[in-house]
C-alpha atoms as a PDB file:
ATOM      1  CA  MET A   1      -5.075   3.812 -11.495  1.00  0.00           C
ATOM      2  CA  LYS A   2      -4.274   0.096 -10.488  1.00  0.00           C
ATOM      3  CA  ALA A   3      -3.996  -0.921  -6.961  1.00  0.00           C
ATOM      4  CA  ARG A   4      -3.152  -4.211  -5.357  1.00  0.00           C
ATOM      5  CA  SER A   5      -3.983  -5.071  -2.217  1.00  0.00           C
ATOM      6  CA  HIS A   6      -2.429  -7.276   0.804  1.00  0.00           C
ATOM      7  CA  ARG A   7      -4.367  -7.992   3.696  1.00  0.00           C
ATOM      8  CA  PHE A   8      -2.856 -10.517   6.240  1.00  0.00           C
ATOM      9  CA  GLY A   9      -3.101 -10.697  10.003  1.00  0.00           C
ATOM     10  CA  ARG A  10      -4.408  -8.289  12.091  1.00  0.00           C
ATOM     11  CA  PRO A  11      -5.086  -4.759  10.263  1.00  0.00           C
ATOM     12  CA  ALA A  12      -3.585  -1.859  12.313  1.00  0.00           C
ATOM     13  CA  ILE A  13      -2.776   0.786  10.041  1.00  0.00           C
ATOM     14  CA  ALA A  14      -3.444   1.379   6.700  1.00  0.00           C
ATOM     15  CA  MET A  15      -0.384   2.149   4.467  1.00  0.00           C
ATOM     16  CA  LEU A  16       0.435   2.920   0.743  1.00  0.00           C
ATOM     17  CA  LEU A  17       3.276   2.322  -1.240  1.00  0.00           C
ATOM     18  CA  MET A  18       4.242   4.148  -4.433  1.00  0.00           C
ATOM     19  CA  ALA A  19       6.653   2.076  -6.783  1.00  0.00           C
ATOM     20  CA  VAL A  20       8.154   4.297  -9.181  1.00  0.00           C
ATOM     21  CA  ALA A  21      10.765   2.408 -11.248  1.00  0.00           C
ATOM     22  CA  VAL A  22       8.280   0.364 -13.548  1.00  0.00           C
ATOM     23  CA  PRO A  23       8.482   2.256 -16.967  1.00  0.00           C
ATOM     24  CA  VAL A  24       5.607   0.504 -18.877  1.00  0.00           C
ATOM     25  CA  ARG A  25       3.400   1.740 -21.485  1.00  0.00           C
ATOM     26  CA  SER A  26       1.949  -1.048 -23.646  1.00  0.00           C
ATOM     27  CA  GLN A  27       2.214  -4.537 -22.460  1.00  0.00           C
ATOM     28  CA  SER A  28       3.431  -7.372 -24.565  1.00  0.00           C
ATOM     29  CA  PRO A  29       2.178 -10.926 -24.273  1.00  0.00           C
ATOM     30  CA  GLN A  30       4.092 -12.828 -21.242  1.00  0.00           C
ATOM     31  CA  PRO A  31       5.017 -16.386 -21.605  1.00  0.00           C
ATOM     32  CA  ALA A  32       1.886 -18.499 -20.567  1.00  0.00           C
ATOM     33  CA  ASP A  33       3.845 -20.493 -18.449  1.00  0.00           C
ATOM     34  CA  TRP A  34       4.732 -17.768 -15.957  1.00  0.00           C
ATOM     35  CA  LYS A  35       2.416 -16.551 -13.202  1.00  0.00           C
ATOM     36  CA  ASP A  36       3.142 -14.030 -10.574  1.00  0.00           C
ATOM     37  CA  PRO A  37       3.237 -16.085  -7.449  1.00  0.00           C
ATOM     38  CA  SER A  38       2.648 -13.656  -4.801  1.00  0.00           C
ATOM     39  CA  VAL A  39      -0.759 -14.109  -2.955  1.00  0.00           C
ATOM     40  CA  HIS A  40      -3.084 -11.009  -3.491  1.00  0.00           C
ATOM     41  CA  VAL A  41      -6.093  -9.270  -4.601  1.00  0.00           C
ATOM     42  CA  GLN A  42      -5.698  -8.116  -8.211  1.00  0.00           C
ATOM     43  CA  ARG A  43      -4.054  -4.756  -6.572  1.00  0.00           C
ATOM     44  CA  PHE A  44      -0.354  -4.400  -6.834  1.00  0.00           C
ATOM     45  CA  VAL A  45       2.717  -4.803  -4.603  1.00  0.00           C
ATOM     46  CA  THR A  46       4.349  -7.737  -2.452  1.00  0.00           C
ATOM     47  CA  THR A  47       5.481  -6.541   1.152  1.00  0.00           C
ATOM     48  CA  LYS A  48       6.770  -8.008   4.480  1.00  0.00           C
ATOM     49  CA  LEU A  49       4.890  -5.399   6.828  1.00  0.00           C
ATOM     50  CA  THR A  50       1.287  -7.514   5.922  1.00  0.00           C
ATOM     51  CA  ALA A  51       1.585  -9.252   9.107  1.00  0.00           C
ATOM     52  CA  ASP A  52       0.697  -6.321  10.862  1.00  0.00           C
ATOM     53  CA  PHE A  53      -1.049  -3.850   8.242  1.00  0.00           C
ATOM     54  CA  HIS A  54      -3.241  -3.653   5.492  1.00  0.00           C
ATOM     55  CA  VAL A  55      -0.893  -2.738   2.357  1.00  0.00           C
ATOM     56  CA  TYR A  56      -1.912  -0.960  -0.802  1.00  0.00           C
ATOM     57  CA  GLY A  57       0.284  -0.284  -3.546  1.00  0.00           C
ATOM     58  CA  ILE A  58      -0.458   2.167  -6.310  1.00  0.00           C
ATOM     59  CA  THR A  59       0.941   2.001  -9.921  1.00  0.00           C
ATOM     60  CA  ARG A  60       1.173   5.677 -11.175  1.00  0.00           C
ATOM     61  CA  ARG A  61      -0.595   6.780 -14.007  1.00  0.00           C
ATOM     62  CA  GLY A  62       1.313   5.686 -17.255  1.00  0.00           C
ATOM     63  CA  PHE A  63       3.111   2.774 -15.555  1.00  0.00           C
ATOM     64  CA  GLY A  64       2.286  -0.805 -15.634  1.00  0.00           C
ATOM     65  CA  GLU A  65      -1.656  -1.136 -16.211  1.00  0.00           C
ATOM     66  CA  SER A  66      -2.713   2.155 -15.365  1.00  0.00           C
ATOM     67  CA  GLY A  67      -3.926   4.321 -17.852  1.00  0.00           C
ATOM     68  CA  TYR A  68      -2.436   7.889 -18.699  1.00  0.00           C
ATOM     69  CA  ALA A  69      -3.262  11.548 -19.430  1.00  0.00           C
ATOM     70  CA  PRO A  70      -0.664  14.329 -19.081  1.00  0.00           C
ATOM     71  CA  PRO A  71      -0.812  16.104 -15.753  1.00  0.00           C
ATOM     72  CA  ALA A  72      -2.282  19.080 -15.385  1.00  0.00           C
ATOM     73  CA  ALA A  73      -0.337  20.343 -12.571  1.00  0.00           C
ATOM     74  CA  GLY A  74       2.655  18.613 -12.385  1.00  0.00           C
ATOM     75  CA  GLY A  75       3.755  16.722  -8.940  1.00  0.00           C
ATOM     76  CA  ASP A  76       0.373  18.152  -7.704  1.00  0.00           C
ATOM     77  CA  THR A  77      -1.841  16.042 -10.272  1.00  0.00           C
ATOM     78  CA  TYR A  78       0.153  12.739  -9.118  1.00  0.00           C
ATOM     79  CA  GLY A  79      -0.818  13.702  -5.496  1.00  0.00           C
ATOM     80  CA  ASP A  80      -4.324  14.279  -6.370  1.00  0.00           C
ATOM     81  CA  ASP A  81      -4.351  10.826  -8.149  1.00  0.00           C
ATOM     82  CA  VAL A  82      -3.101   9.324  -4.683  1.00  0.00           C
ATOM     83  CA  LEU A  83      -5.817  11.089  -2.921  1.00  0.00           C
ATOM     84  CA  ALA A  84      -8.597   9.577  -5.608  1.00  0.00           C
ATOM     85  CA  VAL A  85      -7.206   6.377  -4.314  1.00  0.00           C
ATOM     86  CA  LEU A  86      -7.573   6.993  -0.859  1.00  0.00           C
ATOM     87  CA  ASP A  87     -11.248   8.127  -1.550  1.00  0.00           C
ATOM     88  CA  ALA A  88     -11.927   4.897  -3.762  1.00  0.00           C
ATOM     89  CA  LEU A  89     -10.812   2.612  -1.258  1.00  0.00           C
ATOM     90  CA  LYS A  90     -12.414   4.762   1.590  1.00  0.00           C
ATOM     91  CA  LEU A  91      -8.685   4.922   3.565  1.00  0.00           C
ATOM     92  CA  GLU A  92      -8.675   7.267   6.285  1.00  0.00           C
ATOM     93  CA  LYS A  93      -5.341   8.830   7.306  1.00  0.00           C
ATOM     94  CA  PRO A  94      -3.139   5.974   5.903  1.00  0.00           C
ATOM     95  CA  VAL A  95       0.756   6.161   5.893  1.00  0.00           C
ATOM     96  CA  LEU A  96       2.021   7.217   2.747  1.00  0.00           C
ATOM     97  CA  VAL A  97       5.381   5.718   1.436  1.00  0.00           C
ATOM     98  CA  GLY A  98       6.927   6.466  -1.282  1.00  0.00           C
ATOM     99  CA  HIS A  99      10.563   5.848  -3.107  1.00  0.00           C
ATOM    100  CA  SER A 100      12.478   7.822  -5.275  1.00  0.00           C
ATOM    101  CA  ILE A 101      10.238  10.339  -6.894  1.00  0.00           C
ATOM    102  CA  GLY A 102       7.002   9.278  -5.102  1.00  0.00           C
ATOM    103  CA  GLY A 103       8.322  11.311  -2.472  1.00  0.00           C
ATOM    104  CA  GLN A 104       6.773  14.401  -4.396  1.00  0.00           C
ATOM    105  CA  GLU A 105       3.651  12.998  -4.037  1.00  0.00           C
ATOM    106  CA  LEU A 106       4.103  12.331  -0.267  1.00  0.00           C
ATOM    107  CA  SER A 107       4.822  16.161   0.107  1.00  0.00           C
ATOM    108  CA  SER A 108       2.088  17.088  -2.517  1.00  0.00           C
ATOM    109  CA  VAL A 109      -0.490  15.290  -0.195  1.00  0.00           C
ATOM    110  CA  ALA A 110       0.869  16.249   3.129  1.00  0.00           C
ATOM    111  CA  THR A 111       1.400  20.007   2.414  1.00  0.00           C
ATOM    112  CA  ARG A 112      -2.030  20.170   0.599  1.00  0.00           C
ATOM    113  CA  TYR A 113      -4.171  17.782   2.985  1.00  0.00           C
ATOM    114  CA  PRO A 114      -2.291  17.261   6.087  1.00  0.00           C
ATOM    115  CA  THR A 115      -5.028  16.177   7.750  1.00  0.00           C
ATOM    116  CA  ARG A 116      -5.660  13.068   5.012  1.00  0.00           C
ATOM    117  CA  VAL A 117      -2.572  11.383   6.378  1.00  0.00           C
ATOM    118  CA  VAL A 118      -1.290  10.171   9.478  1.00  0.00           C
ATOM    119  CA  ALA A 119       2.600  10.001   8.828  1.00  0.00           C
ATOM    120  CA  LEU A 120       5.204   9.740   5.772  1.00  0.00           C
ATOM    121  CA  VAL A 121       7.747   7.561   4.717  1.00  0.00           C
ATOM    122  CA  TYR A 122      10.357   8.366   2.178  1.00  0.00           C
ATOM    123  CA  LEU A 123      12.621   5.695   0.922  1.00  0.00           C
ATOM    124  CA  ASP A 124      15.679   7.765  -0.570  1.00  0.00           C
ATOM    125  CA  ALA A 125      12.752  10.148  -1.775  1.00  0.00           C
ATOM    126  CA  ALA A 126      13.515  13.469   0.034  1.00  0.00           C
ATOM    127  CA  TYR A 127      15.535  14.898  -2.854  1.00  0.00           C
ATOM    128  CA  PRO A 128      14.497  18.506  -4.177  1.00  0.00           C
ATOM    129  CA  TYR A 129      11.265  17.406  -5.833  1.00  0.00           C
ATOM    130  CA  ALA A 130       9.952  16.444  -2.298  1.00  0.00           C
ATOM    131  CA  PHE A 131      11.772  19.199  -0.036  1.00  0.00           C
ATOM    132  CA  ASP A 132      12.814  22.512  -1.534  1.00  0.00           C
ATOM    133  CA  ASN A 133      12.745  26.081  -0.198  1.00  0.00           C
ATOM    134  CA  GLY A 134      15.096  27.307  -2.657  1.00  0.00           C
ATOM    135  CA  LYS A 135      18.496  27.553  -0.704  1.00  0.00           C
ATOM    136  CA  GLY A 136      19.750  23.982  -1.207  1.00  0.00           C
ATOM    137  CA  PRO A 137      20.843  21.856  -4.178  1.00  0.00           C
ATOM    138  CA  THR A 138      18.427  21.657  -7.280  1.00  0.00           C
ATOM    139  CA  MET A 139      17.512  18.490  -8.975  1.00  0.00           C
ATOM    140  CA  ASN A 140      20.074  20.002 -11.811  1.00  0.00           C
ATOM    141  CA  ASP A 141      22.585  19.533  -9.235  1.00  0.00           C
ATOM    142  CA  PHE A 142      21.902  15.940  -8.558  1.00  0.00           C
ATOM    143  CA  GLN A 143      21.273  14.917 -12.281  1.00  0.00           C
ATOM    144  CA  GLY A 144      24.534  16.837 -13.262  1.00  0.00           C
ATOM    145  CA  LEU A 145      26.734  13.983 -11.410  1.00  0.00           C
ATOM    146  CA  HIS A 146      27.800  10.991 -13.316  1.00  0.00           C
ATOM    147  CA  GLY A 147      29.331   8.131 -11.566  1.00  0.00           C
ATOM    148  CA  PRO A 148      31.102   5.099 -13.387  1.00  0.00           C
ATOM    149  CA  GLN A 149      28.939   2.421 -14.894  1.00  0.00           C
ATOM    150  CA  PRO A 150      29.064  -1.100 -14.766  1.00  0.00           C
ATOM    151  CA  PRO A 151      29.385  -3.439 -17.773  1.00  0.00           C
ATOM    152  CA  PRO A 152      25.846  -3.914 -19.236  1.00  0.00           C
ATOM    153  CA  PRO A 153      24.400  -7.279 -19.347  1.00  0.00           C
ATOM    154  CA  GLY A 154      25.604  -9.700 -22.291  1.00  0.00           C
ATOM    155  CA  ASP A 155      23.755 -11.941 -24.347  1.00  0.00           C
ATOM    156  CA  ALA A 156      24.177 -14.812 -21.785  1.00  0.00           C
ATOM    157  CA  ASP A 157      22.501 -12.392 -19.095  1.00  0.00           C
ATOM    158  CA  LEU A 158      19.595 -11.657 -21.168  1.00  0.00           C
ATOM    159  CA  ALA A 159      18.704 -15.390 -22.012  1.00  0.00           C
ATOM    160  CA  SER A 160      16.168 -15.327 -19.024  1.00  0.00           C
ATOM    161  CA  VAL A 161      14.498 -13.057 -16.212  1.00  0.00           C
ATOM    162  CA  ASN A 162      16.439 -15.298 -13.831  1.00  0.00           C
ATOM    163  CA  ALA A 163      19.816 -14.618 -15.667  1.00  0.00           C
ATOM    164  CA  LEU A 164      19.218 -10.967 -15.558  1.00  0.00           C
ATOM    165  CA  ARG A 165      18.444 -11.189 -12.084  1.00  0.00           C
ATOM    166  CA  GLN A 166      21.390 -13.067 -11.571  1.00  0.00           C
ATOM    167  CA  TYR A 167      23.627 -10.371 -13.437  1.00  0.00           C
ATOM    168  CA  LEU A 168      22.029  -7.710 -11.414  1.00  0.00           C
ATOM    169  CA  VAL A 169      22.901  -9.205  -8.064  1.00  0.00           C
ATOM    170  CA  ARG A 170      26.620  -9.805  -9.105  1.00  0.00           C
ATOM    171  CA  VAL A 171      26.923  -6.488 -10.739  1.00  0.00           C
ATOM    172  CA  GLN A 172      24.817  -4.406  -8.156  1.00  0.00           C
ATOM    173  CA  GLY A 173      24.567  -6.201  -5.479  1.00  0.00           C
ATOM    174  CA  VAL A 174      20.794  -6.054  -5.501  1.00  0.00           C
ATOM    175  CA  ALA A 175      17.969  -7.359  -8.107  1.00  0.00           C
ATOM    176  CA  SER A 176      14.313  -6.287  -8.744  1.00  0.00           C
ATOM    177  CA  PRO A 177      11.759  -9.224  -8.126  1.00  0.00           C
ATOM    178  CA  GLU A 178      10.783 -11.038 -11.265  1.00  0.00           C
ATOM    179  CA  ALA A 179       7.360  -9.509 -11.483  1.00  0.00           C
ATOM    180  CA  GLU A 180       8.779  -6.003 -11.523  1.00  0.00           C
ATOM    181  CA  ILE A 181      11.338  -6.943 -14.260  1.00  0.00           C
ATOM    182  CA  ARG A 182       8.663  -8.509 -16.345  1.00  0.00           C
ATOM    183  CA  GLN A 183       7.090  -4.993 -16.219  1.00  0.00           C
ATOM    184  CA  GLN A 184      10.209  -3.141 -16.857  1.00  0.00           C
ATOM    185  CA  ARG A 185      11.199  -5.162 -20.073  1.00  0.00           C
ATOM    186  CA  THR A 186       9.819  -6.990 -23.241  1.00  0.00           C
ATOM    187  CA  ILE A 187      10.055 -10.595 -22.859  1.00  0.00           C
ATOM    188  CA  GLY A 188      10.152 -12.709 -25.765  1.00  0.00           C
ATOM    189  CA  PRO A 189       8.377 -16.003 -26.516  1.00  0.00           C
ATOM    190  CA  ASP A 190      11.655 -18.044 -25.433  1.00  0.00           C
ATOM    191  CA  GLY A 191      11.786 -16.192 -22.341  1.00  0.00           C
ATOM    192  CA  HIS A 192      14.694 -13.933 -23.378  1.00  0.00           C
ATOM    193  CA  VAL A 193      14.912 -10.548 -21.833  1.00  0.00           C
ATOM    194  CA  GLY A 194      14.290  -7.694 -24.321  1.00  0.00           C
ATOM    195  CA  LYS A 195      14.806  -3.975 -24.286  1.00  0.00           C
ATOM    196  CA  GLN A 196      13.328  -1.637 -21.638  1.00  0.00           C
ATOM    197  CA  ARG A 197       9.684  -0.730 -22.187  1.00  0.00           C
ATOM    198  CA  ASN A 198       8.575   2.816 -22.770  1.00  0.00           C
ATOM    199  CA  PHE A 199       5.932   4.703 -21.400  1.00  0.00           C
ATOM    200  CA  PRO A 200       4.650   8.285 -21.981  1.00  0.00           C
ATOM    201  CA  GLY A 201       4.880   9.820 -18.401  1.00  0.00           C
ATOM    202  CA  TYR A 202       8.609   9.823 -17.755  1.00  0.00           C
ATOM    203  CA  ALA A 203       9.283  13.060 -18.757  1.00  0.00           C
ATOM    204  CA  THR A 204       6.379  14.799 -16.878  1.00  0.00           C
ATOM    205  CA  LEU A 205       7.192  13.314 -13.710  1.00  0.00           C
ATOM    206  CA  LEU A 206       9.858  16.296 -13.101  1.00  0.00           C
ATOM    207  CA  SER A 207       8.133  18.739 -15.231  1.00  0.00           C
ATOM    208  CA  GLY A 208       6.220  21.290 -13.253  1.00  0.00           C
ATOM    209  CA  MET A 209       7.865  20.855  -9.820  1.00  0.00           C
ATOM    210  CA  LYS A 210       6.842  22.717  -6.997  1.00  0.00           C
ATOM    211  CA  GLN A 211       8.699  23.779  -3.845  1.00  0.00           C
ATOM    212  CA  TYR A 212       7.281  22.045  -1.263  1.00  0.00           C
ATOM    213  CA  VAL A 213       8.193  23.422   2.056  1.00  0.00           C
ATOM    214  CA  ASP A 214       5.784  22.985   4.768  1.00  0.00           C
ATOM    215  CA  ILE A 215       5.716  19.533   6.012  1.00  0.00           C
ATOM    216  CA  ARG A 216       3.960  19.107   9.579  1.00  0.00           C
ATOM    217  CA  VAL A 217       2.960  15.619   9.053  1.00  0.00           C
ATOM    218  CA  PRO A 218       5.244  12.971  11.142  1.00  0.00           C
ATOM    219  CA  ALA A 219       7.895  11.625   8.849  1.00  0.00           C
ATOM    220  CA  LEU A 220      10.608   8.776   8.538  1.00  0.00           C
ATOM    221  CA  VAL A 221      13.396   9.891   5.989  1.00  0.00           C
ATOM    222  CA  LEU A 222      15.299   7.015   4.986  1.00  0.00           C
ATOM    223  CA  VAL A 223      18.427   8.098   2.724  1.00  0.00           C
ATOM    224  CA  ALA A 224      21.431   6.268   1.085  1.00  0.00           C
ATOM    225  CA  GLN A 225      24.293   8.106   2.480  1.00  0.00           C
ATOM    226  CA  PRO A 226      26.759   7.567   0.903  1.00  0.00           C
ATOM    227  CA  HIS A 227      25.166   5.735  -1.954  1.00  0.00           C
ATOM    228  CA  GLY A 228      26.957   2.166  -2.997  1.00  0.00           C
ATOM    229  CA  LEU A 229      27.643   1.883  -6.509  1.00  0.00           C
ATOM    230  CA  GLY A 230      27.537  -1.864  -6.788  1.00  0.00           C
ATOM    231  CA  ARG A 231      29.742  -4.807  -6.390  1.00  0.00           C
ATOM    232  CA  TRP A 232      31.380  -4.743  -9.685  1.00  0.00           C
ATOM    233  CA  LEU A 233      33.738  -1.810  -8.446  1.00  0.00           C
ATOM    234  CA  ASP A 234      35.302  -4.515  -6.235  1.00  0.00           C
ATOM    235  CA  SER A 235      36.595  -6.720  -9.227  1.00  0.00           C
ATOM    236  CA  SER A 236      37.454  -3.419 -11.487  1.00  0.00           C
ATOM    237  CA  THR A 237      41.213  -2.845 -11.448  1.00  0.00           C
ATOM    238  CA  ASP A 238      40.927   0.065 -13.495  1.00  0.00           C
ATOM    239  CA  PRO A 239      42.533   3.059 -11.590  1.00  0.00           C
ATOM    240  CA  ALA A 240      40.634   5.759 -13.763  1.00  0.00           C
ATOM    241  CA  VAL A 241      37.377   3.742 -12.734  1.00  0.00           C
ATOM    242  CA  HIS A 242      37.985   3.917  -9.021  1.00  0.00           C
ATOM    243  CA  ALA A 243      39.181   7.667  -9.394  1.00  0.00           C
ATOM    244  CA  GLN A 244      35.779   8.603 -10.860  1.00  0.00           C
ATOM    245  CA  ALA A 245      34.034   6.844  -8.276  1.00  0.00           C
ATOM    246  CA  THR A 246      35.724   8.401  -5.268  1.00  0.00           C
ATOM    247  CA  ALA A 247      34.936  11.796  -6.953  1.00  0.00           C
ATOM    248  CA  PHE A 248      31.400  11.097  -7.593  1.00  0.00           C
ATOM    249  CA  THR A 249      30.753   9.462  -4.449  1.00  0.00           C
ATOM    250  CA  ALA A 250      32.145  12.719  -2.826  1.00  0.00           C
ATOM    251  CA  ALA A 251      30.066  15.014  -4.685  1.00  0.00           C
ATOM    252  CA  LEU A 252      26.986  13.069  -4.203  1.00  0.00           C
ATOM    253  CA  SER A 253      27.592  12.849  -0.571  1.00  0.00           C
ATOM    254  CA  ALA A 254      28.241  16.354  -0.256  1.00  0.00           C
ATOM    255  CA  LEU A 255      24.659  17.220  -1.959  1.00  0.00           C
ATOM    256  CA  THR A 256      22.973  15.008  -0.121  1.00  0.00           C
ATOM    257  CA  THR A 257      24.217  16.275   3.065  1.00  0.00           C
ATOM    258  CA  ARG A 258      22.799  19.727   2.092  1.00  0.00           C
ATOM    259  CA  GLN A 259      19.569  18.300   1.025  1.00  0.00           C
ATOM    260  CA  MET A 260      19.182  16.630   4.507  1.00  0.00           C
ATOM    261  CA  GLN A 261      19.446  19.768   6.071  1.00  0.00           C
ATOM    262  CA  ILE A 262      16.879  21.350   4.104  1.00  0.00           C
ATOM    263  CA  VAL A 263      14.601  18.579   5.112  1.00  0.00           C
ATOM    264  CA  ALA A 264      15.440  19.016   8.660  1.00  0.00           C
ATOM    265  CA  ALA A 265      14.573  22.599   8.301  1.00  0.00           C
ATOM    266  CA  LEU A 266      11.544  21.841   6.269  1.00  0.00           C
ATOM    267  CA  ALA A 267      10.291  19.115   8.420  1.00  0.00           C
ATOM    268  CA  PRO A 268      11.747  19.517  11.919  1.00  0.00           C
ATOM    269  CA  THR A 269       9.910  16.716  13.643  1.00  0.00           C
ATOM    270  CA  ALA A 270      11.074  14.038  10.747  1.00  0.00           C
ATOM    271  CA  ARG A 271      13.419  11.442  11.742  1.00  0.00           C
ATOM    272  CA  ILE A 272      16.368  11.196   9.443  1.00  0.00           C
ATOM    273  CA  VAL A 273      18.070   7.738   9.056  1.00  0.00           C
ATOM    274  CA  THR A 274      21.091   7.468   6.865  1.00  0.00           C
ATOM    275  CA  LEU A 275      21.811   4.132   5.471  1.00  0.00           C
ATOM    276  CA  PRO A 276      25.646   3.940   4.402  1.00  0.00           C
ATOM    277  CA  GLY A 277      26.368   2.079   1.086  1.00  0.00           C
ATOM    278  CA  ALA A 278      22.715   1.650   0.372  1.00  0.00           C
ATOM    279  CA  ASP A 279      21.209   1.323  -3.175  1.00  0.00           C
ATOM    280  CA  HIS A 280      18.985   3.808  -4.518  1.00  0.00           C
ATOM    281  CA  TYR A 281      16.678   0.734  -4.134  1.00  0.00           C
ATOM    282  CA  VAL A 282      17.051   0.810  -0.191  1.00  0.00           C
ATOM    283  CA  TYR A 283      14.397  -1.605   0.376  1.00  0.00           C
ATOM    284  CA  LEU A 284      16.426  -4.264  -1.614  1.00  0.00           C
ATOM    285  CA  SER A 285      19.675  -3.576  -0.467  1.00  0.00           C
ATOM    286  CA  HIS A 286      18.975  -2.820   3.346  1.00  0.00           C
ATOM    287  CA  GLU A 287      15.796  -4.394   3.693  1.00  0.00           C
ATOM    288  CA  ALA A 288      16.514  -5.395   7.201  1.00  0.00           C
ATOM    289  CA  ASP A 289      17.361  -1.883   8.005  1.00  0.00           C
ATOM    290  CA  VAL A 290      14.197  -0.595   6.288  1.00  0.00           C
ATOM    291  CA  LEU A 291      11.779  -2.684   7.976  1.00  0.00           C
ATOM    292  CA  ARG A 292      13.107  -2.063  11.412  1.00  0.00           C
ATOM    293  CA  GLU A 293      12.902   1.713  11.131  1.00  0.00           C
ATOM    294  CA  MET A 294       9.622   1.664   9.315  1.00  0.00           C
ATOM    295  CA  ARG A 295       8.393  -0.813  12.257  1.00  0.00           C
ATOM    296  CA  ARG A 296       9.894   1.540  15.193  1.00  0.00           C
ATOM    297  CA  PHE A 297       8.426   4.537  13.450  1.00  0.00           C
ATOM    298  CA  LEU A 298       4.711   3.301  12.958  1.00  0.00           C
ATOM    299  CA  GLY A 299       4.676   1.984  16.279  1.00  0.00           C
ATOM    300  CA  ALA A 300       5.463   5.284  17.678  1.00  0.00           C
ATOM    301  CA  VAL A 301       2.606   7.107  15.160  1.00  0.00           C
ATOM    302  CA  ARG A 302       0.221   3.973  15.983  1.00  0.00           C
END
């Protein structure tokens, strides 16, 4: 597994961020004139918490430049990978921060080895793969919902990474950093953005799911509720699209409310914060809110 370390200012607490939306297996050559501008030792993730914390990022097996072997025990294998990184870097009682399905690693580690971490931060990551006592909604319930989709990027939007980022901001309201897009998609010699990259482990992320039911570590749960569907809806004049969006939002909000009740039952000391209108990438769409809540929570933990 590959990690990138950012160490600025006075160290206070070790943190670990698992990014999960970088679907890469094989790397194609990048244009020679582009370099990642972030200041770092070769270990992966830019963040705005480095003034006060040591921050380490893990690229999950099968993503980015990390190797891949089929997991033997579903989410717990990925959790074991996290523990291996903590051992290799000699990190004692860090805060684990996970986005989306990264919540399964957080719950896996905290359930089995609660003394190895000091706290957890779930960034829209507290769904059934992270908290499930069999009494709430399932991942099939969530995945069975289908909302309206924005228009796909056209040729002009794929002319360059910057053009694609502008499209994402215009349509979704948020855009991933350039470095992430370059990991997610092939880039031609002329800078044209190609198709999404494939990687072998995506199907295994939800296979072999366990029911994590005993989270005793202090936790901050940030959840998009209700989910934002993007800026493109504001300019749509199709009443059918708006009707679909209304129905989807209502159904998703109902499931999310039930899921947060499960979280509260399984982690009674957790702080649950809803971010109305947030994108699934809450740290992009609601960056200031996420940073404020994380600093408040980490200050109390510290």
